[in-house]
Amino acid sequence: MDPVAGGFSVEQFREACAELQQPALAGADWQLLMETLGISIYRLLDQTGLYEYKVFGVLEECPPALLADVYMDLVYRKQWDQYVKELYEKECDGKTVVYWEVKYPFPMSNRDYVYIRQRRELDVEGRKIHVVLAQSTSVPQLAERPGVIRVKGYKQSLAIESDGKKGSKVFMYYFDNPGGQIPSWLINWAAKNGVPNFLKDMAKACQNYLKKA
């Protein structure tokens, strides 16, 4: 059975954990794109001419369980992520899928995603690791909309553990095919600014989540 149809394989969760412990950057042309605020971002040009990204770093003052909770809370994300146009879960054919529409700058069309996700806590040699996996899917209940470009091939992994203090050590893998004609400057801007800003906003959201609770 296709693991995406009913969830993710144990091996996929283990791979994310392994990257958190030892980044897998050898054997491929992973390039260091930037380092900022304790975060390192690497990218790899794949055969389709699109980039895959890997992010490593530490988010201080964000405990792992809290960070995972904030990441999974879609209702709360609509409050702190300025690029969210629409975001919700829907039951489709016995599985929970997420619909997510992202604001793009004028004159480009917004993008939307339909994906499944799963969160697990793993014990790896005494280390408690939170892992969230997400991957595109398609369901007839969430058909493509006019004026919005559907992103295909979305894939994301997030692994989080304690940094030994009050924060979290984080690994994130990210790939999508945004479709349409997106200028290279925007792709580069999104990687260099979007990812660090997203992590910074998520760290701030963790602090406010505590106040909200």
C-alpha atoms as a PDB file:
ATOM      1  CA  MET A   1       0.000   0.000   0.000  1.00  0.00           C
ATOM      2  CA  ASP A   2       1.170   3.507  -0.804  1.00  0.00           C
ATOM      3  CA  PRO A   3       2.146   4.912   2.631  1.00  0.00           C
ATOM      4  CA  VAL A   4       0.797   8.332   1.654  1.00  0.00           C
ATOM      5  CA  ALA A   5      -2.677   6.854   1.229  1.00  0.00           C
ATOM      6  CA  GLY A   6      -2.885   5.840   4.864  1.00  0.00           C
ATOM      7  CA  GLY A   7      -0.125   7.738   6.591  1.00  0.00           C
ATOM      8  CA  PHE A   8       3.641   7.512   6.706  1.00  0.00           C
ATOM      9  CA  SER A   9       6.071   4.652   7.214  1.00  0.00           C
ATOM     10  CA  VAL A  10       8.125   4.152  10.373  1.00  0.00           C
ATOM     11  CA  GLU A  11      11.232   4.535   8.226  1.00  0.00           C
ATOM     12  CA  GLN A  12      10.211   8.063   7.187  1.00  0.00           C
ATOM     13  CA  PHE A  13       9.971   9.093  10.835  1.00  0.00           C
ATOM     14  CA  ARG A  14      13.342   7.489  11.576  1.00  0.00           C
ATOM     15  CA  GLU A  15      14.994   9.311   8.676  1.00  0.00           C
ATOM     16  CA  ALA A  16      13.917  12.674  10.101  1.00  0.00           C
ATOM     17  CA  CYS A  17      15.313  11.701  13.514  1.00  0.00           C
ATOM     18  CA  ALA A  18      18.615  10.632  11.940  1.00  0.00           C
ATOM     19  CA  GLU A  19      19.012  14.002  10.191  1.00  0.00           C
ATOM     20  CA  LEU A  20      18.493  15.806  13.487  1.00  0.00           C
ATOM     21  CA  GLN A  21      21.411  13.888  14.971  1.00  0.00           C
ATOM     22  CA  GLN A  22      23.660  13.838  11.898  1.00  0.00           C
ATOM     23  CA  PRO A  23      22.806  16.034   8.896  1.00  0.00           C
ATOM     24  CA  ALA A  24      22.888  14.014   5.652  1.00  0.00           C
ATOM     25  CA  LEU A  25      24.565  16.476   3.312  1.00  0.00           C
ATOM     26  CA  ALA A  26      27.285  14.278   1.827  1.00  0.00           C
ATOM     27  CA  GLY A  27      27.014  12.532  -1.535  1.00  0.00           C
ATOM     28  CA  ALA A  28      24.946  15.310  -3.106  1.00  0.00           C
ATOM     29  CA  ASP A  29      25.491  18.914  -4.089  1.00  0.00           C
ATOM     30  CA  TRP A  30      23.890  20.484  -1.035  1.00  0.00           C
ATOM     31  CA  GLN A  31      24.934  24.136  -0.896  1.00  0.00           C
ATOM     32  CA  LEU A  32      24.964  26.287   2.210  1.00  0.00           C
ATOM     33  CA  LEU A  33      22.570  29.081   1.312  1.00  0.00           C
ATOM     34  CA  MET A  34      22.841  31.113   4.482  1.00  0.00           C
ATOM     35  CA  GLU A  35      23.402  31.126   8.232  1.00  0.00           C
ATOM     36  CA  THR A  36      21.417  33.480  10.448  1.00  0.00           C
ATOM     37  CA  LEU A  37      20.152  33.594  14.033  1.00  0.00           C
ATOM     38  CA  GLY A  38      21.571  30.154  14.769  1.00  0.00           C
ATOM     39  CA  ILE A  39      19.871  28.658  11.700  1.00  0.00           C
ATOM     40  CA  SER A  40      21.690  27.082   8.712  1.00  0.00           C
ATOM     41  CA  ILE A  41      19.832  26.631   5.405  1.00  0.00           C
ATOM     42  CA  TYR A  42      21.045  24.300   2.670  1.00  0.00           C
ATOM     43  CA  ARG A  43      19.568  23.741  -0.755  1.00  0.00           C
ATOM     44  CA  LEU A  44      19.915  21.145  -3.495  1.00  0.00           C
ATOM     45  CA  LEU A  45      18.959  21.662  -7.141  1.00  0.00           C
ATOM     46  CA  ASP A  46      17.000  18.587  -8.191  1.00  0.00           C
ATOM     47  CA  GLN A  47      16.449  17.107 -11.663  1.00  0.00           C
ATOM     48  CA  THR A  48      13.298  19.169 -12.268  1.00  0.00           C
ATOM     49  CA  GLY A  49      15.137  22.466 -11.799  1.00  0.00           C
ATOM     50  CA  LEU A  50      13.535  23.068  -8.396  1.00  0.00           C
ATOM     51  CA  TYR A  51      15.231  23.267  -5.024  1.00  0.00           C
ATOM     52  CA  GLU A  52      14.974  21.005  -2.008  1.00  0.00           C
ATOM     53  CA  TYR A  53      15.816  22.640   1.318  1.00  0.00           C
ATOM     54  CA  LYS A  54      17.226  21.443   4.614  1.00  0.00           C
ATOM     55  CA  VAL A  55      17.237  23.649   7.696  1.00  0.00           C
ATOM     56  CA  PHE A  56      19.202  23.012  10.888  1.00  0.00           C
ATOM     57  CA  GLY A  57      19.408  25.091  14.007  1.00  0.00           C
ATOM     58  CA  VAL A  58      18.273  25.964  17.518  1.00  0.00           C
ATOM     59  CA  LEU A  59      15.228  27.937  18.590  1.00  0.00           C
ATOM     60  CA  GLU A  60      15.919  29.264  22.062  1.00  0.00           C
ATOM     61  CA  GLU A  61      13.204  29.559  24.699  1.00  0.00           C
ATOM     62  CA  CYS A  62      10.942  27.165  22.732  1.00  0.00           C
ATOM     63  CA  PRO A  63      10.599  23.741  24.420  1.00  0.00           C
ATOM     64  CA  PRO A  64      10.141  20.854  21.946  1.00  0.00           C
ATOM     65  CA  ALA A  65       6.596  19.818  22.942  1.00  0.00           C
ATOM     66  CA  LEU A  66       5.414  23.430  22.818  1.00  0.00           C
ATOM     67  CA  LEU A  67       7.035  24.008  19.433  1.00  0.00           C
ATOM     68  CA  ALA A  68       5.361  20.878  18.028  1.00  0.00           C
ATOM     69  CA  ASP A  69       1.995  21.963  19.476  1.00  0.00           C
ATOM     70  CA  VAL A  70       2.278  25.408  17.883  1.00  0.00           C
ATOM     71  CA  TYR A  71       3.284  23.895  14.541  1.00  0.00           C
ATOM     72  CA  MET A  72       0.270  21.566  14.578  1.00  0.00           C
ATOM     73  CA  ASP A  73      -2.272  24.187  15.707  1.00  0.00           C
ATOM     74  CA  LEU A  74      -3.806  25.409  12.441  1.00  0.00           C
ATOM     75  CA  VAL A  75      -6.310  27.753  14.076  1.00  0.00           C
ATOM     76  CA  TYR A  76      -3.529  29.512  15.974  1.00  0.00           C
ATOM     77  CA  ARG A  77      -1.328  29.680  12.866  1.00  0.00           C
ATOM     78  CA  LYS A  78      -3.917  31.881  11.173  1.00  0.00           C
ATOM     79  CA  GLN A  79      -3.162  34.456  13.891  1.00  0.00           C
ATOM     80  CA  TRP A  80       0.618  34.577  13.534  1.00  0.00           C
ATOM     81  CA  ASP A  81       1.383  33.587   9.915  1.00  0.00           C
ATOM     82  CA  GLN A  82       0.665  36.640   7.726  1.00  0.00           C
ATOM     83  CA  TYR A  83       0.773  34.577   4.510  1.00  0.00           C
ATOM     84  CA  VAL A  84      -2.172  32.341   5.391  1.00  0.00           C
ATOM     85  CA  LYS A  85      -5.305  33.120   3.378  1.00  0.00           C
ATOM     86  CA  GLU A  86      -7.210  29.956   4.362  1.00  0.00           C
ATOM     87  CA  LEU A  87      -6.248  26.966   6.491  1.00  0.00           C
ATOM     88  CA  TYR A  88      -8.331  24.121   7.890  1.00  0.00           C
ATOM     89  CA  GLU A  89      -8.645  20.357   8.321  1.00  0.00           C
ATOM     90  CA  LYS A  90     -11.326  18.287   6.605  1.00  0.00           C
ATOM     91  CA  GLU A  91     -12.344  14.642   6.872  1.00  0.00           C
ATOM     92  CA  CYS A  92     -12.225  13.056   3.406  1.00  0.00           C
ATOM     93  CA  ASP A  93     -12.770   9.356   2.770  1.00  0.00           C
ATOM     94  CA  GLY A  94     -11.817   8.418   6.306  1.00  0.00           C
ATOM     95  CA  LYS A  95      -8.623  10.466   6.453  1.00  0.00           C
ATOM     96  CA  THR A  96      -7.902  13.942   7.746  1.00  0.00           C
ATOM     97  CA  VAL A  97      -6.490  16.270   5.118  1.00  0.00           C
ATOM     98  CA  VAL A  98      -5.361  19.882   5.401  1.00  0.00           C
ATOM     99  CA  TYR A  99      -6.339  22.640   2.970  1.00  0.00           C
ATOM    100  CA  TRP A 100      -3.970  25.624   2.934  1.00  0.00           C
ATOM    101  CA  GLU A 101      -4.084  28.700   0.696  1.00  0.00           C
ATOM    102  CA  VAL A 102      -1.008  30.941   0.700  1.00  0.00           C
ATOM    103  CA  LYS A 103      -0.979  34.622  -0.232  1.00  0.00           C
ATOM    104  CA  TYR A 104       1.407  35.511  -3.062  1.00  0.00           C
ATOM    105  CA  PRO A 105       2.440  39.060  -3.968  1.00  0.00           C
ATOM    106  CA  PHE A 106       0.525  40.813  -6.748  1.00  0.00           C
ATOM    107  CA  PRO A 107       0.303  40.139  -9.695  1.00  0.00           C
ATOM    108  CA  MET A 108       0.928  36.437  -9.040  1.00  0.00           C
ATOM    109  CA  SER A 109      -1.850  34.004  -8.219  1.00  0.00           C
ATOM    110  CA  ASN A 110      -2.151  32.570  -4.735  1.00  0.00           C
ATOM    111  CA  ARG A 111      -1.086  28.952  -4.240  1.00  0.00           C
ATOM    112  CA  ASP A 112      -2.979  26.270  -2.382  1.00  0.00           C
ATOM    113  CA  TYR A 113      -2.058  22.898  -0.909  1.00  0.00           C
ATOM    114  CA  VAL A 114      -3.964  19.758  -0.016  1.00  0.00           C
ATOM    115  CA  TYR A 115      -1.914  17.446   2.177  1.00  0.00           C
ATOM    116  CA  ILE A 116      -1.899  14.876   4.923  1.00  0.00           C
ATOM    117  CA  ARG A 117       0.248  15.171   8.026  1.00  0.00           C
ATOM    118  CA  GLN A 118       1.144  13.034  10.995  1.00  0.00           C
ATOM    119  CA  ARG A 119       2.865  13.726  14.305  1.00  0.00           C
ATOM    120  CA  ARG A 120       4.696  11.144  16.392  1.00  0.00           C
ATOM    121  CA  GLU A 121       6.933  11.166  19.429  1.00  0.00           C
ATOM    122  CA  LEU A 122       9.879   8.809  19.196  1.00  0.00           C
ATOM    123  CA  ASP A 123      12.360   7.593  21.772  1.00  0.00           C
ATOM    124  CA  VAL A 124      15.782   7.319  20.142  1.00  0.00           C
ATOM    125  CA  GLU A 125      18.393   6.003  22.563  1.00  0.00           C
ATOM    126  CA  GLY A 126      16.773   7.918  25.394  1.00  0.00           C
ATOM    127  CA  ARG A 127      16.271  11.093  23.368  1.00  0.00           C
ATOM    128  CA  LYS A 128      12.661  12.229  23.022  1.00  0.00           C
ATOM    129  CA  ILE A 129      12.084  13.496  19.475  1.00  0.00           C
ATOM    130  CA  HIS A 130       8.910  15.040  18.076  1.00  0.00           C
ATOM    131  CA  VAL A 131       8.471  14.424  14.348  1.00  0.00           C
ATOM    132  CA  VAL A 132       5.861  15.876  11.995  1.00  0.00           C
ATOM    133  CA  LEU A 133       5.631  14.656   8.400  1.00  0.00           C
ATOM    134  CA  ALA A 134       3.496  16.204   5.659  1.00  0.00           C
ATOM    135  CA  GLN A 135       2.940  15.298   2.016  1.00  0.00           C
ATOM    136  CA  SER A 136       0.649  16.321  -0.820  1.00  0.00           C
ATOM    137  CA  THR A 137      -2.418  14.263  -1.578  1.00  0.00           C
ATOM    138  CA  SER A 138      -5.510  14.766  -3.696  1.00  0.00           C
ATOM    139  CA  VAL A 139      -9.160  14.249  -2.805  1.00  0.00           C
ATOM    140  CA  PRO A 140     -12.217  14.997  -4.949  1.00  0.00           C
ATOM    141  CA  GLN A 141     -13.796  16.993  -2.098  1.00  0.00           C
ATOM    142  CA  LEU A 142     -11.063  19.656  -2.418  1.00  0.00           C
ATOM    143  CA  ALA A 143     -10.895  20.321  -6.132  1.00  0.00           C
ATOM    144  CA  GLU A 144      -8.709  23.018  -7.670  1.00  0.00           C
ATOM    145  CA  ARG A 145     -10.148  26.531  -7.578  1.00  0.00           C
ATOM    146  CA  PRO A 146     -10.165  29.100 -10.374  1.00  0.00           C
ATOM    147  CA  GLY A 147      -7.530  31.789  -9.923  1.00  0.00           C
ATOM    148  CA  VAL A 148      -5.502  29.722  -7.433  1.00  0.00           C
ATOM    149  CA  ILE A 149      -2.629  27.449  -8.490  1.00  0.00           C
ATOM    150  CA  ARG A 150      -2.558  24.044  -6.798  1.00  0.00           C
ATOM    151  CA  VAL A 151       0.890  23.068  -5.514  1.00  0.00           C
ATOM    152  CA  LYS A 152       1.822  19.498  -6.343  1.00  0.00           C
ATOM    153  CA  GLY A 153       4.671  17.513  -4.848  1.00  0.00           C
ATOM    154  CA  TYR A 154       4.697  19.251  -1.463  1.00  0.00           C
ATOM    155  CA  LYS A 155       6.772  17.403   1.111  1.00  0.00           C
ATOM    156  CA  GLN A 156       7.958  18.476   4.553  1.00  0.00           C
ATOM    157  CA  SER A 157       9.639  16.846   7.548  1.00  0.00           C
ATOM    158  CA  LEU A 158      10.158  18.452  10.927  1.00  0.00           C
ATOM    159  CA  ALA A 159      12.116  16.891  13.794  1.00  0.00           C
ATOM    160  CA  ILE A 160      12.480  18.593  17.184  1.00  0.00           C
ATOM    161  CA  GLU A 161      14.322  17.704  20.388  1.00  0.00           C
ATOM    162  CA  SER A 162      15.589  19.559  23.432  1.00  0.00           C
ATOM    163  CA  ASP A 163      18.741  21.610  22.991  1.00  0.00           C
ATOM    164  CA  GLY A 164      19.669  20.645  26.546  1.00  0.00           C
ATOM    165  CA  LYS A 165      18.520  24.003  27.858  1.00  0.00           C
ATOM    166  CA  LYS A 166      15.143  25.713  27.459  1.00  0.00           C
ATOM    167  CA  GLY A 167      15.020  25.560  23.681  1.00  0.00           C
ATOM    168  CA  SER A 168      14.725  23.173  20.761  1.00  0.00           C
ATOM    169  CA  LYS A 169      17.145  21.702  18.289  1.00  0.00           C
ATOM    170  CA  VAL A 170      15.372  21.592  14.926  1.00  0.00           C
ATOM    171  CA  PHE A 171      15.709  19.870  11.548  1.00  0.00           C
ATOM    172  CA  MET A 172      13.370  20.690   8.676  1.00  0.00           C
ATOM    173  CA  TYR A 173      13.236  19.342   5.116  1.00  0.00           C
ATOM    174  CA  TYR A 174      11.088  21.160   2.573  1.00  0.00           C
ATOM    175  CA  PHE A 175      10.162  20.743  -1.081  1.00  0.00           C
ATOM    176  CA  ASP A 176       7.315  21.899  -3.258  1.00  0.00           C
ATOM    177  CA  ASN A 177       6.587  22.682  -6.882  1.00  0.00           C
ATOM    178  CA  PRO A 178       4.761  26.033  -6.844  1.00  0.00           C
ATOM    179  CA  GLY A 179       3.809  25.796 -10.515  1.00  0.00           C
ATOM    180  CA  GLY A 180       3.416  28.705 -12.887  1.00  0.00           C
ATOM    181  CA  GLN A 181       6.150  31.190 -13.685  1.00  0.00           C
ATOM    182  CA  ILE A 182       7.734  32.399 -10.463  1.00  0.00           C
ATOM    183  CA  PRO A 183      10.755  34.683 -10.904  1.00  0.00           C
ATOM    184  CA  SER A 184      14.000  33.321  -9.502  1.00  0.00           C
ATOM    185  CA  TRP A 185      14.409  36.407  -7.303  1.00  0.00           C
ATOM    186  CA  LEU A 186      11.220  35.530  -5.465  1.00  0.00           C
ATOM    187  CA  ILE A 187      12.292  31.913  -4.988  1.00  0.00           C
ATOM    188  CA  ASN A 188      15.626  33.095  -3.594  1.00  0.00           C
ATOM    189  CA  TRP A 189      13.940  35.687  -1.394  1.00  0.00           C
ATOM    190  CA  ALA A 190      11.549  33.089  -0.014  1.00  0.00           C
ATOM    191  CA  ALA A 191      14.428  30.784   0.871  1.00  0.00           C
ATOM    192  CA  LYS A 192      16.714  33.429   2.333  1.00  0.00           C
ATOM    193  CA  ASN A 193      14.070  35.446   4.148  1.00  0.00           C
ATOM    194  CA  GLY A 194      10.891  33.398   4.249  1.00  0.00           C
ATOM    195  CA  VAL A 195      12.324  30.400   6.102  1.00  0.00           C
ATOM    196  CA  PRO A 196      14.225  32.359   8.804  1.00  0.00           C
ATOM    197  CA  ASN A 197      11.263  34.716   9.233  1.00  0.00           C
ATOM    198  CA  PHE A 198       8.859  31.781   9.522  1.00  0.00           C
ATOM    199  CA  LEU A 199      11.019  30.198  12.234  1.00  0.00           C
ATOM    200  CA  LYS A 200      11.390  33.542  14.013  1.00  0.00           C
ATOM    201  CA  ASP A 201       7.624  34.094  13.862  1.00  0.00           C
ATOM    202  CA  MET A 202       7.007  30.557  15.111  1.00  0.00           C
ATOM    203  CA  ALA A 203       9.387  31.131  18.037  1.00  0.00           C
ATOM    204  CA  LYS A 204       7.497  34.316  18.916  1.00  0.00           C
ATOM    205  CA  ALA A 205       4.220  32.431  18.513  1.00  0.00           C
ATOM    206  CA  CYS A 206       5.457  29.910  21.094  1.00  0.00           C
ATOM    207  CA  GLN A 207       5.832  32.675  23.661  1.00  0.00           C
ATOM    208  CA  ASN A 208       2.349  34.006  22.941  1.00  0.00           C
ATOM    209  CA  TYR A 209       0.917  30.483  23.002  1.00  0.00           C
ATOM    210  CA  LEU A 210       2.033  30.177  26.595  1.00  0.00           C
ATOM    211  CA  LYS A 211       0.300  33.459  27.428  1.00  0.00           C
ATOM    212  CA  LYS A 212      -2.822  32.306  25.568  1.00  0.00           C
ATOM    213  CA  ALA A 213      -2.900  29.092  27.589  1.00  0.00           C
END
